[in-house]
Amino acid sequence: MNSSEKEEGDVHLYDVPTSLVIFLSLLYGAISLAAFVGNSLVIYVVSVSPRMRTVTNFYIANMAFADVTIALFAIPFQVGRNLDILGEYRLLDGEAKRKIT
């Protein structure tokens, strides 16, 4: 099926340039990588250095762990959702979506 053919019930408000999709993908990837690396360093410093093991720093390390979890599990799915909303860049076609849900 080429991009000029539309399935029934498939509504696209506009065609998204491929360059925008690539730019957004790279931006999301950079944000996710920076969140993972930065928060992992916070967790490492708090766990290795005895001087940094205070109640406040454990709280900060706990928040960093939550951010690492978001960076690993939420941001990639958000990228997929955003690309799916943008138009023809479907990660799952209609049949696969109906089987999953």
PDB file of N, CA and C in Angstrom:
ATOM      1  N   MET A   1       0.854  -1.180   0.000  1.00  0.00           N
ATOM      2  CA  MET A   1       0.000   0.000   0.000  1.00  0.00           C
ATOM      3  C   MET A   1       0.894   1.236   0.000  1.00  0.00           C
ATOM      4  N   ASN A   2       0.734   2.091  -0.995  1.00  0.00           N
ATOM      5  CA  ASN A   2       1.567   3.288  -1.040  1.00  0.00           C
ATOM      6  C   ASN A   2       0.930   4.410  -0.234  1.00  0.00           C
ATOM      7  N   SER A   3       1.662   5.504  -0.074  1.00  0.00           N
ATOM      8  CA  SER A   3       1.205   6.577   0.815  1.00  0.00           C
ATOM      9  C   SER A   3      -0.006   7.322   0.267  1.00  0.00           C
ATOM     10  N   SER A   4      -0.292   7.196  -1.036  1.00  0.00           N
ATOM     11  CA  SER A   4      -1.445   7.905  -1.588  1.00  0.00           C
ATOM     12  C   SER A   4      -2.749   7.176  -1.300  1.00  0.00           C
ATOM     13  N   GLU A   5      -2.668   5.859  -1.054  1.00  0.00           N
ATOM     14  CA  GLU A   5      -3.862   5.101  -0.737  1.00  0.00           C
ATOM     15  C   GLU A   5      -4.109   5.184   0.762  1.00  0.00           C
ATOM     16  N   LYS A   6      -5.359   5.391   1.133  1.00  0.00           N
ATOM     17  CA  LYS A   6      -5.714   5.479   2.541  1.00  0.00           C
ATOM     18  C   LYS A   6      -6.723   4.382   2.859  1.00  0.00           C
ATOM     19  N   GLU A   7      -6.535   3.755   4.009  1.00  0.00           N
ATOM     20  CA  GLU A   7      -7.504   2.781   4.454  1.00  0.00           C
ATOM     21  C   GLU A   7      -8.750   3.501   4.926  1.00  0.00           C
ATOM     22  N   GLU A   8      -9.847   2.793   4.886  1.00  0.00           N
ATOM     23  CA  GLU A   8     -11.095   3.383   5.350  1.00  0.00           C
ATOM     24  C   GLU A   8     -11.005   3.613   6.851  1.00  0.00           C
ATOM     25  N   GLY A   9     -11.371   4.791   7.300  1.00  0.00           N
ATOM     26  CA  GLY A   9     -11.302   5.147   8.706  1.00  0.00           C
ATOM     27  C   GLY A   9      -9.930   5.623   9.149  1.00  0.00           C
ATOM     28  N   ASP A  10      -8.958   5.656   8.269  1.00  0.00           N
ATOM     29  CA  ASP A  10      -7.607   6.098   8.587  1.00  0.00           C
ATOM     30  C   ASP A  10      -7.507   7.586   8.264  1.00  0.00           C
ATOM     31  N   VAL A  11      -7.466   8.421   9.297  1.00  0.00           N
ATOM     32  CA  VAL A  11      -7.483   9.863   9.101  1.00  0.00           C
ATOM     33  C   VAL A  11      -6.106  10.431   9.396  1.00  0.00           C
ATOM     34  N   HIS A  12      -5.532  11.131   8.424  1.00  0.00           N
ATOM     35  CA  HIS A  12      -4.266  11.830   8.598  1.00  0.00           C
ATOM     36  C   HIS A  12      -4.511  13.303   8.288  1.00  0.00           C
ATOM     37  N   LEU A  13      -4.189  14.157   9.238  1.00  0.00           N
ATOM     38  CA  LEU A  13      -4.413  15.573   9.030  1.00  0.00           C
ATOM     39  C   LEU A  13      -3.406  16.162   8.057  1.00  0.00           C
ATOM     40  N   TYR A  14      -2.182  15.673   8.097  1.00  0.00           N
ATOM     41  CA  TYR A  14      -1.145  16.173   7.203  1.00  0.00           C
ATOM     42  C   TYR A  14      -0.046  15.120   7.110  1.00  0.00           C
ATOM     43  N   ASP A  15       0.760  15.220   6.074  1.00  0.00           N
ATOM     44  CA  ASP A  15       1.903  14.325   5.912  1.00  0.00           C
ATOM     45  C   ASP A  15       3.101  14.924   6.631  1.00  0.00           C
ATOM     46  N   VAL A  16       3.751  14.116   7.427  1.00  0.00           N
ATOM     47  CA  VAL A  16       4.895  14.569   8.203  1.00  0.00           C
ATOM     48  C   VAL A  16       6.169  14.296   7.415  1.00  0.00           C
ATOM     49  N   PRO A  17       7.029  15.302   7.268  1.00  0.00           N
ATOM     50  CA  PRO A  17       8.289  15.081   6.556  1.00  0.00           C
ATOM     51  C   PRO A  17       9.171  14.060   7.296  1.00  0.00           C
ATOM     52  N   THR A  18       9.858  13.256   6.548  1.00  0.00           N
ATOM     53  CA  THR A  18      10.736  12.246   7.135  1.00  0.00           C
ATOM     54  C   THR A  18      11.827  12.894   7.973  1.00  0.00           C
ATOM     55  N   SER A  19      12.291  14.055   7.558  1.00  0.00           N
ATOM     56  CA  SER A  19      13.335  14.747   8.322  1.00  0.00           C
ATOM     57  C   SER A  19      12.850  15.113   9.728  1.00  0.00           C
ATOM     58  N   LEU A  20      11.581  15.460   9.865  1.00  0.00           N
ATOM     59  CA  LEU A  20      11.032  15.777  11.191  1.00  0.00           C
ATOM     60  C   LEU A  20      10.965  14.530  12.053  1.00  0.00           C
ATOM     61  N   VAL A  21      10.591  13.419  11.476  1.00  0.00           N
ATOM     62  CA  VAL A  21      10.523  12.163  12.220  1.00  0.00           C
ATOM     63  C   VAL A  21      11.910  11.760  12.694  1.00  0.00           C
ATOM     64  N   ILE A  22      12.906  11.905  11.828  1.00  0.00           N
ATOM     65  CA  ILE A  22      14.286  11.577  12.210  1.00  0.00           C
ATOM     66  C   ILE A  22      14.772  12.515  13.302  1.00  0.00           C
ATOM     67  N   PHE A  23      14.482  13.802  13.168  1.00  0.00           N
ATOM     68  CA  PHE A  23      14.894  14.782  14.176  1.00  0.00           C
ATOM     69  C   PHE A  23      14.270  14.476  15.534  1.00  0.00           C
ATOM     70  N   LEU A  24      12.973  14.192  15.560  1.00  0.00           N
ATOM     71  CA  LEU A  24      12.307  13.888  16.824  1.00  0.00           C
ATOM     72  C   LEU A  24      12.834  12.593  17.435  1.00  0.00           C
ATOM     73  N   SER A  25      13.118  11.615  16.602  1.00  0.00           N
ATOM     74  CA  SER A  25      13.668  10.356  17.107  1.00  0.00           C
ATOM     75  C   SER A  25      15.033  10.568  17.748  1.00  0.00           C
ATOM     76  N   LEU A  26      15.880  11.342  17.085  1.00  0.00           N
ATOM     77  CA  LEU A  26      17.202  11.634  17.646  1.00  0.00           C
ATOM     78  C   LEU A  26      17.106  12.446  18.929  1.00  0.00           C
ATOM     79  N   LEU A  27      16.175  13.387  18.972  1.00  0.00           N
ATOM     80  CA  LEU A  27      15.997  14.202  20.164  1.00  0.00           C
ATOM     81  C   LEU A  27      15.532  13.359  21.347  1.00  0.00           C
ATOM     82  N   TYR A  28      14.542  12.510  21.118  1.00  0.00           N
ATOM     83  CA  TYR A  28      14.075  11.621  22.184  1.00  0.00           C
ATOM     84  C   TYR A  28      15.190  10.677  22.629  1.00  0.00           C
ATOM     85  N   GLY A  29      15.965  10.165  21.678  1.00  0.00           N
ATOM     86  CA  GLY A  29      17.075   9.283  22.028  1.00  0.00           C
ATOM     87  C   GLY A  29      18.120   9.990  22.876  1.00  0.00           C
ATOM     88  N   ALA A  30      18.436  11.234  22.526  1.00  0.00           N
ATOM     89  CA  ALA A  30      19.423  12.000  23.299  1.00  0.00           C
ATOM     90  C   ALA A  30      18.913  12.288  24.708  1.00  0.00           C
ATOM     91  N   ILE A  31      17.643  12.626  24.823  1.00  0.00           N
ATOM     92  CA  ILE A  31      17.062  12.900  26.142  1.00  0.00           C
ATOM     93  C   ILE A  31      17.078  11.641  27.000  1.00  0.00           C
ATOM     94  N   SER A  32      16.692  10.523  26.412  1.00  0.00           N
ATOM     95  CA  SER A  32      16.674   9.264  27.147  1.00  0.00           C
ATOM     96  C   SER A  32      18.077   8.854  27.577  1.00  0.00           C
ATOM     97  N   LEU A  33      19.050   8.999  26.695  1.00  0.00           N
ATOM     98  CA  LEU A  33      20.434   8.651  27.024  1.00  0.00           C
ATOM     99  C   LEU A  33      20.991   9.557  28.119  1.00  0.00           C
ATOM    100  N   ALA A  34      20.729  10.854  28.018  1.00  0.00           N
ATOM    101  CA  ALA A  34      21.218  11.791  29.035  1.00  0.00           C
ATOM    102  C   ALA A  34      20.577  11.503  30.395  1.00  0.00           C
ATOM    103  N   ALA A  35      19.295  11.186  30.399  1.00  0.00           N
ATOM    104  CA  ALA A  35      18.611  10.863  31.659  1.00  0.00           C
ATOM    105  C   ALA A  35      19.180   9.592  32.269  1.00  0.00           C
ATOM    106  N   PHE A  36      19.430   8.593  31.430  1.00  0.00           N
ATOM    107  CA  PHE A  36      19.974   7.332  31.939  1.00  0.00           C
ATOM    108  C   PHE A  36      21.383   7.511  32.503  1.00  0.00           C
ATOM    109  N   VAL A  37      22.249   8.159  31.738  1.00  0.00           N
ATOM    110  CA  VAL A  37      23.648   8.307  32.161  1.00  0.00           C
ATOM    111  C   VAL A  37      23.758   9.205  33.395  1.00  0.00           C
ATOM    112  N   GLY A  38      23.097  10.335  33.373  1.00  0.00           N
ATOM    113  CA  GLY A  38      23.188  11.275  34.500  1.00  0.00           C
ATOM    114  C   GLY A  38      22.660  10.694  35.794  1.00  0.00           C
ATOM    115  N   ASN A  39      21.509  10.073  35.730  1.00  0.00           N
ATOM    116  CA  ASN A  39      20.925   9.505  36.945  1.00  0.00           C
ATOM    117  C   ASN A  39      21.672   8.261  37.405  1.00  0.00           C
ATOM    118  N   SER A  40      22.231   7.512  36.478  1.00  0.00           N
ATOM    119  CA  SER A  40      23.053   6.364  36.871  1.00  0.00           C
ATOM    120  C   SER A  40      24.307   6.832  37.614  1.00  0.00           C
ATOM    121  N   LEU A  41      24.874   7.949  37.184  1.00  0.00           N
ATOM    122  CA  LEU A  41      26.038   8.493  37.894  1.00  0.00           C
ATOM    123  C   LEU A  41      25.676   8.936  39.306  1.00  0.00           C
ATOM    124  N   VAL A  42      24.505   9.513  39.474  1.00  0.00           N
ATOM    125  CA  VAL A  42      24.054   9.913  40.815  1.00  0.00           C
ATOM    126  C   VAL A  42      23.934   8.680  41.706  1.00  0.00           C
ATOM    127  N   ILE A  43      23.312   7.629  41.189  1.00  0.00           N
ATOM    128  CA  ILE A  43      23.156   6.397  41.970  1.00  0.00           C
ATOM    129  C   ILE A  43      24.526   5.810  42.304  1.00  0.00           C
ATOM    130  N   TYR A  44      25.439   5.810  41.346  1.00  0.00           N
ATOM    131  CA  TYR A  44      26.788   5.274  41.563  1.00  0.00           C
ATOM    132  C   TYR A  44      27.523   6.044  42.659  1.00  0.00           C
ATOM    133  N   VAL A  45      27.485   7.368  42.586  1.00  0.00           N
ATOM    134  CA  VAL A  45      28.213   8.187  43.565  1.00  0.00           C
ATOM    135  C   VAL A  45      27.653   7.974  44.969  1.00  0.00           C
ATOM    136  N   VAL A  46      26.335   7.922  45.092  1.00  0.00           N
ATOM    137  CA  VAL A  46      25.731   7.746  46.418  1.00  0.00           C
ATOM    138  C   VAL A  46      26.033   6.350  46.965  1.00  0.00           C
ATOM    139  N   SER A  47      26.058   5.348  46.106  1.00  0.00           N
ATOM    140  CA  SER A  47      26.286   3.988  46.599  1.00  0.00           C
ATOM    141  C   SER A  47      27.762   3.696  46.898  1.00  0.00           C
ATOM    142  N   VAL A  48      28.695   4.353  46.208  1.00  0.00           N
ATOM    143  CA  VAL A  48      30.121   4.051  46.378  1.00  0.00           C
ATOM    144  C   VAL A  48      30.765   4.881  47.483  1.00  0.00           C
ATOM    145  N   SER A  49      30.446   6.129  47.572  1.00  0.00           N
ATOM    146  CA  SER A  49      31.113   7.032  48.513  1.00  0.00           C
ATOM    147  C   SER A  49      30.439   6.978  49.894  1.00  0.00           C
ATOM    148  N   PRO A  50      31.183   6.575  50.925  1.00  0.00           N
ATOM    149  CA  PRO A  50      30.593   6.521  52.267  1.00  0.00           C
ATOM    150  C   PRO A  50      30.151   7.890  52.792  1.00  0.00           C
ATOM    151  N   ARG A  51      30.843   8.931  52.346  1.00  0.00           N
ATOM    152  CA  ARG A  51      30.507  10.280  52.797  1.00  0.00           C
ATOM    153  C   ARG A  51      29.165  10.757  52.240  1.00  0.00           C
ATOM    154  N   MET A  52      28.760  10.185  51.121  1.00  0.00           N
ATOM    155  CA  MET A  52      27.514  10.603  50.466  1.00  0.00           C
ATOM    156  C   MET A  52      26.296   9.825  50.957  1.00  0.00           C
ATOM    157  N   ARG A  53      26.492   8.891  51.863  1.00  0.00           N
ATOM    158  CA  ARG A  53      25.389   8.056  52.338  1.00  0.00           C
ATOM    159  C   ARG A  53      24.639   8.726  53.485  1.00  0.00           C
ATOM    160  N   THR A  54      23.895   9.747  53.136  1.00  0.00           N
ATOM    161  CA  THR A  54      23.027  10.415  54.107  1.00  0.00           C
ATOM    162  C   THR A  54      21.579  10.144  53.713  1.00  0.00           C
ATOM    163  N   VAL A  55      20.675  10.448  54.610  1.00  0.00           N
ATOM    164  CA  VAL A  55      19.258  10.219  54.331  1.00  0.00           C
ATOM    165  C   VAL A  55      18.813  11.035  53.121  1.00  0.00           C
ATOM    166  N   THR A  56      19.258  12.280  53.051  1.00  0.00           N
ATOM    167  CA  THR A  56      18.889  13.142  51.930  1.00  0.00           C
ATOM    168  C   THR A  56      19.422  12.595  50.606  1.00  0.00           C
ATOM    169  N   ASN A  57      20.655  12.127  50.607  1.00  0.00           N
ATOM    170  CA  ASN A  57      21.236  11.599  49.375  1.00  0.00           C
ATOM    171  C   ASN A  57      20.607  10.267  48.969  1.00  0.00           C
ATOM    172  N   PHE A  58      20.194   9.457  49.943  1.00  0.00           N
ATOM    173  CA  PHE A  58      19.458   8.247  49.595  1.00  0.00           C
ATOM    174  C   PHE A  58      18.119   8.598  48.935  1.00  0.00           C
ATOM    175  N   TYR A  59      17.501   9.649  49.418  1.00  0.00           N
ATOM    176  CA  TYR A  59      16.253  10.120  48.804  1.00  0.00           C
ATOM    177  C   TYR A  59      16.514  10.582  47.365  1.00  0.00           C
ATOM    178  N   ILE A  60      17.587  11.322  47.167  1.00  0.00           N
ATOM    179  CA  ILE A  60      17.946  11.783  45.821  1.00  0.00           C
ATOM    180  C   ILE A  60      18.273  10.592  44.917  1.00  0.00           C
ATOM    181  N   ALA A  61      18.986   9.590  45.448  1.00  0.00           N
ATOM    182  CA  ALA A  61      19.301   8.395  44.659  1.00  0.00           C
ATOM    183  C   ALA A  61      18.022   7.627  44.318  1.00  0.00           C
ATOM    184  N   ASN A  62      17.068   7.604  45.213  1.00  0.00           N
ATOM    185  CA  ASN A  62      15.791   6.951  44.945  1.00  0.00           C
ATOM    186  C   ASN A  62      15.052   7.650  43.802  1.00  0.00           C
ATOM    187  N   MET A  63      15.064   8.978  43.808  1.00  0.00           N
ATOM    188  CA  MET A  63      14.446   9.719  42.700  1.00  0.00           C
ATOM    189  C   MET A  63      15.209   9.492  41.401  1.00  0.00           C
ATOM    190  N   ALA A  64      16.534   9.378  41.484  1.00  0.00           N
ATOM    191  CA  ALA A  64      17.341   9.096  40.293  1.00  0.00           C
ATOM    192  C   ALA A  64      17.002   7.716  39.738  1.00  0.00           C
ATOM    193  N   PHE A  65      16.763   6.749  40.620  1.00  0.00           N
ATOM    194  CA  PHE A  65      16.365   5.415  40.170  1.00  0.00           C
ATOM    195  C   PHE A  65      15.019   5.471  39.442  1.00  0.00           C
ATOM    196  N   ALA A  66      14.094   6.261  39.957  1.00  0.00           N
ATOM    197  CA  ALA A  66      12.799   6.417  39.289  1.00  0.00           C
ATOM    198  C   ALA A  66      12.985   7.059  37.907  1.00  0.00           C
ATOM    199  N   ASP A  67      13.871   8.029  37.803  1.00  0.00           N
ATOM    200  CA  ASP A  67      14.151   8.661  36.509  1.00  0.00           C
ATOM    201  C   ASP A  67      14.796   7.694  35.524  1.00  0.00           C
ATOM    202  N   VAL A  68      15.694   6.836  36.015  1.00  0.00           N
ATOM    203  CA  VAL A  68      16.311   5.828  35.150  1.00  0.00           C
ATOM    204  C   VAL A  68      15.240   4.882  34.620  1.00  0.00           C
ATOM    205  N   THR A  69      14.327   4.499  35.484  1.00  0.00           N
ATOM    206  CA  THR A  69      13.237   3.616  35.062  1.00  0.00           C
ATOM    207  C   THR A  69      12.380   4.277  33.989  1.00  0.00           C
ATOM    208  N   ILE A  70      12.082   5.546  34.160  1.00  0.00           N
ATOM    209  CA  ILE A  70      11.313   6.289  33.150  1.00  0.00           C
ATOM    210  C   ILE A  70      12.097   6.370  31.845  1.00  0.00           C
ATOM    211  N   ALA A  71      13.404   6.641  31.945  1.00  0.00           N
ATOM    212  CA  ALA A  71      14.235   6.766  30.745  1.00  0.00           C
ATOM    213  C   ALA A  71      14.299   5.456  29.969  1.00  0.00           C
ATOM    214  N   LEU A  72      14.275   4.339  30.682  1.00  0.00           N
ATOM    215  CA  LEU A  72      14.378   3.045  30.009  1.00  0.00           C
ATOM    216  C   LEU A  72      13.045   2.519  29.488  1.00  0.00           C
ATOM    217  N   PHE A  73      11.966   2.774  30.219  1.00  0.00           N
ATOM    218  CA  PHE A  73      10.711   2.115  29.881  1.00  0.00           C
ATOM    219  C   PHE A  73       9.617   3.035  29.362  1.00  0.00           C
ATOM    220  N   ALA A  74       9.601   4.297  29.742  1.00  0.00           N
ATOM    221  CA  ALA A  74       8.514   5.176  29.316  1.00  0.00           C
ATOM    222  C   ALA A  74       8.855   5.974  28.063  1.00  0.00           C
ATOM    223  N   ILE A  75      10.049   6.527  27.999  1.00  0.00           N
ATOM    224  CA  ILE A  75      10.405   7.390  26.872  1.00  0.00           C
ATOM    225  C   ILE A  75      10.396   6.633  25.542  1.00  0.00           C
ATOM    226  N   PRO A  76      10.942   5.415  25.458  1.00  0.00           N
ATOM    227  CA  PRO A  76      10.863   4.723  24.165  1.00  0.00           C
ATOM    228  C   PRO A  76       9.433   4.468  23.693  1.00  0.00           C
ATOM    229  N   PHE A  77       8.538   4.143  24.607  1.00  0.00           N
ATOM    230  CA  PHE A  77       7.147   3.927  24.220  1.00  0.00           C
ATOM    231  C   PHE A  77       6.470   5.233  23.840  1.00  0.00           C
ATOM    232  N   GLN A  78       6.864   6.331  24.480  1.00  0.00           N
ATOM    233  CA  GLN A  78       6.331   7.635  24.118  1.00  0.00           C
ATOM    234  C   GLN A  78       6.753   8.016  22.707  1.00  0.00           C
ATOM    235  N   VAL A  79       7.974   7.690  22.346  1.00  0.00           N
ATOM    236  CA  VAL A  79       8.445   7.950  20.986  1.00  0.00           C
ATOM    237  C   VAL A  79       7.578   7.187  19.997  1.00  0.00           C
ATOM    238  N   GLY A  80       7.360   5.913  20.281  1.00  0.00           N
ATOM    239  CA  GLY A  80       6.512   5.107  19.407  1.00  0.00           C
ATOM    240  C   GLY A  80       5.112   5.653  19.293  1.00  0.00           C
ATOM    241  N   ARG A  81       4.564   6.115  20.388  1.00  0.00           N
ATOM    242  CA  ARG A  81       3.215   6.687  20.373  1.00  0.00           C
ATOM    243  C   ARG A  81       3.187   7.971  19.557  1.00  0.00           C
ATOM    244  N   ASN A  82       4.185   8.812  19.734  1.00  0.00           N
ATOM    245  CA  ASN A  82       4.221  10.067  18.986  1.00  0.00           C
ATOM    246  C   ASN A  82       4.400   9.829  17.497  1.00  0.00           C
ATOM    247  N   LEU A  83       5.248   8.890  17.131  1.00  0.00           N
ATOM    248  CA  LEU A  83       5.418   8.587  15.713  1.00  0.00           C
ATOM    249  C   LEU A  83       4.153   7.984  15.133  1.00  0.00           C
ATOM    250  N   ASP A  84       3.431   7.220  15.926  1.00  0.00           N
ATOM    251  CA  ASP A  84       2.180   6.632  15.474  1.00  0.00           C
ATOM    252  C   ASP A  84       1.137   7.716  15.231  1.00  0.00           C
ATOM    253  N   ILE A  85       1.114   8.743  16.077  1.00  0.00           N
ATOM    254  CA  ILE A  85       0.163   9.847  15.918  1.00  0.00           C
ATOM    255  C   ILE A  85       0.530  10.695  14.700  1.00  0.00           C
ATOM    256  N   LEU A  86       1.818  10.818  14.419  1.00  0.00           N
ATOM    257  CA  LEU A  86       2.246  11.690  13.335  1.00  0.00           C
ATOM    258  C   LEU A  86       1.773  11.226  11.964  1.00  0.00           C
ATOM    259  N   GLY A  87       1.469   9.970  11.806  1.00  0.00           N
ATOM    260  CA  GLY A  87       0.963   9.586  10.498  1.00  0.00           C
ATOM    261  C   GLY A  87       1.311   8.190  10.090  1.00  0.00           C
ATOM    262  N   GLU A  88       1.932   8.062   8.933  1.00  0.00           N
ATOM    263  CA  GLU A  88       2.100   6.767   8.305  1.00  0.00           C
ATOM    264  C   GLU A  88       3.205   5.921   8.915  1.00  0.00           C
ATOM    265  N   TYR A  89       3.924   6.405   9.904  1.00  0.00           N
ATOM    266  CA  TYR A  89       5.008   5.648  10.506  1.00  0.00           C
ATOM    267  C   TYR A  89       4.442   4.744  11.593  1.00  0.00           C
ATOM    268  N   ARG A  90       3.734   3.726  11.182  1.00  0.00           N
ATOM    269  CA  ARG A  90       3.056   2.815  12.105  1.00  0.00           C
ATOM    270  C   ARG A  90       4.031   1.773  12.625  1.00  0.00           C
ATOM    271  N   LEU A  91       4.111   1.668  13.952  1.00  0.00           N
ATOM    272  CA  LEU A  91       4.924   0.618  14.526  1.00  0.00           C
ATOM    273  C   LEU A  91       4.177  -0.709  14.483  1.00  0.00           C
ATOM    274  N   LEU A  92       2.889  -0.639  14.635  1.00  0.00           N
ATOM    275  CA  LEU A  92       2.035  -1.817  14.503  1.00  0.00           C
ATOM    276  C   LEU A  92       0.915  -1.461  13.551  1.00  0.00           C
ATOM    277  N   ASP A  93       0.629  -2.336  12.630  1.00  0.00           N
ATOM    278  CA  ASP A  93      -0.481  -2.062  11.728  1.00  0.00           C
ATOM    279  C   ASP A  93      -1.794  -2.321  12.452  1.00  0.00           C
ATOM    280  N   GLY A  94      -2.879  -1.995  11.817  1.00  0.00           N
ATOM    281  CA  GLY A  94      -4.195  -2.101  12.440  1.00  0.00           C
ATOM    282  C   GLY A  94      -4.541  -3.487  12.929  1.00  0.00           C
ATOM    283  N   GLU A  95      -4.191  -4.510  12.149  1.00  0.00           N
ATOM    284  CA  GLU A  95      -4.500  -5.884  12.537  1.00  0.00           C
ATOM    285  C   GLU A  95      -3.756  -6.280  13.806  1.00  0.00           C
ATOM    286  N   ALA A  96      -2.478  -5.942  13.895  1.00  0.00           N
ATOM    287  CA  ALA A  96      -1.704  -6.297  15.069  1.00  0.00           C
ATOM    288  C   ALA A  96      -2.221  -5.575  16.305  1.00  0.00           C
ATOM    289  N   LYS A  97      -2.634  -4.320  16.156  1.00  0.00           N
ATOM    290  CA  LYS A  97      -3.186  -3.577  17.277  1.00  0.00           C
ATOM    291  C   LYS A  97      -4.478  -4.218  17.768  1.00  0.00           C
ATOM    292  N   ARG A  98      -5.327  -4.657  16.840  1.00  0.00           N
ATOM    293  CA  ARG A  98      -6.585  -5.291  17.248  1.00  0.00           C
ATOM    294  C   ARG A  98      -6.326  -6.617  17.950  1.00  0.00           C
ATOM    295  N   LYS A  99      -5.321  -7.366  17.547  1.00  0.00           N
ATOM    296  CA  LYS A  99      -5.014  -8.636  18.197  1.00  0.00           C
ATOM    297  C   LYS A  99      -4.456  -8.432  19.602  1.00  0.00           C
ATOM    298  N   ILE A 100      -3.696  -7.355  19.796  1.00  0.00           N
ATOM    299  CA  ILE A 100      -3.099  -7.099  21.113  1.00  0.00           C
ATOM    300  C   ILE A 100      -4.153  -6.643  22.099  1.00  0.00           C
ATOM    301  N   THR A 101      -5.068  -5.784  21.669  1.00  0.00           N
ATOM    302  CA  THR A 101      -6.059  -5.223  22.594  1.00  0.00           C
ATOM    303  C   THR A 101      -7.249  -6.070  22.783  1.00  0.00           C
TER     304      THR A 101
END
